[in-house]
Protein backbone atom coordinates (compact mmCIF):
# COMPACT_ATOMS: atom_id res chain seq x y z
CA UNK A 1 12.07 1.02 -3.51
CA UNK A 2 9.17 2.85 -1.99
CA UNK A 3 9.47 5.80 0.28
CA UNK A 4 8.33 3.66 3.23
CA UNK A 5 11.11 4.12 6.05
CA UNK A 6 12.46 7.34 4.46
CA UNK A 7 9.11 9.19 4.83
CA UNK A 8 10.06 10.78 8.17
CA UNK A 9 13.34 12.21 6.49
CA UNK A 10 11.22 13.65 3.71
CA UNK A 11 8.81 15.24 6.09
CA UNK A 12 11.79 16.69 8.06
CA UNK A 13 13.16 18.44 5.04
CA UNK A 14 9.75 20.14 4.39
CA UNK A 15 7.86 17.65 2.24
CA UNK A 16 4.12 17.62 2.83
CA UNK A 17 2.36 14.32 3.41
CA UNK A 18 0.76 14.73 -0.06
CA UNK A 19 4.13 15.22 -1.71
CA UNK A 20 5.54 12.13 0.04
CA UNK A 21 2.56 10.21 -1.25
CA UNK A 22 3.30 11.41 -4.90
CA UNK A 23 6.86 10.70 -4.50
CA UNK A 24 6.08 7.03 -3.40
CA UNK A 25 3.60 6.63 -6.35
CA UNK A 26 6.16 7.93 -8.88
CA UNK A 27 8.85 5.57 -7.43
CA UNK A 28 6.41 2.62 -7.59
CA UNK A 29 5.50 3.38 -11.11
CA UNK A 30 9.12 3.83 -12.14
CA UNK A 31 10.03 0.52 -10.59
CA UNK A 32 7.18 -1.13 -12.57
CA UNK A 33 8.21 0.35 -15.83
CA UNK A 34 11.79 -0.81 -15.40
CA UNK A 35 10.49 -4.28 -14.92
CA UNK A 36 8.94 -4.18 -18.48
CA UNK A 37 10.85 -5.81 -21.39
CA UNK A 38 13.28 -3.43 -23.11
CA UNK A 39 12.00 -2.48 -26.60
CA UNK A 40 14.91 -0.25 -27.59
CA UNK A 41 18.47 0.08 -26.51
CA UNK A 42 18.06 3.47 -25.02
CA UNK A 43 14.64 2.73 -23.13
CA UNK A 44 16.19 2.38 -19.73
CA UNK A 45 18.47 5.28 -20.03
CA UNK A 46 15.81 7.68 -21.35
CA UNK A 47 13.32 6.58 -18.84
CA UNK A 48 15.65 6.97 -15.92
CA UNK A 49 16.45 10.48 -17.15
CA UNK A 50 12.74 11.35 -17.23
CA UNK A 51 12.16 9.80 -13.82
CA UNK A 52 14.99 11.87 -12.31
CA UNK A 53 13.54 14.99 -13.70
CA UNK A 54 10.26 14.31 -11.94
CA UNK A 55 12.22 13.43 -8.75
CA UNK A 56 13.95 16.85 -9.11
CA UNK A 57 10.72 18.67 -9.42
CA UNK A 58 9.35 17.06 -6.31
CA UNK A 59 12.53 17.54 -4.34
CA UNK A 60 12.50 21.35 -5.21
CA UNK A 61 9.09 21.92 -3.79
CA UNK A 62 10.25 22.43 -0.11
CA UNK A 63 12.94 24.86 -1.20
CA UNK A 64 10.48 26.87 -3.28
CA UNK A 65 8.08 27.11 -0.31
CA UNK A 66 10.94 28.26 1.79
CA UNK A 67 11.69 31.23 -0.44
CA UNK A 68 7.99 32.13 -0.73
CA UNK A 69 6.83 30.70 -4.05
CA UNK A 70 3.72 29.35 -2.49
CA UNK A 71 2.48 32.84 -1.62
CA UNK A 72 0.19 34.89 -3.81
């Protein structure tokens, strides 16, 4: 699932256009990785956990800007 129709909602919560692009790229990559054959019983679970960490980092950016972390 790409960001597609949700882009407006991401922009509304404070994402930049570049952050939307990155989120879309990460989601596209995750979908492609999950389509690969499983090589180990924990592959999918471990990958999904790692993917969610990346999502969390991206989703935190608007909040960090709001509290001033983008200021020098």
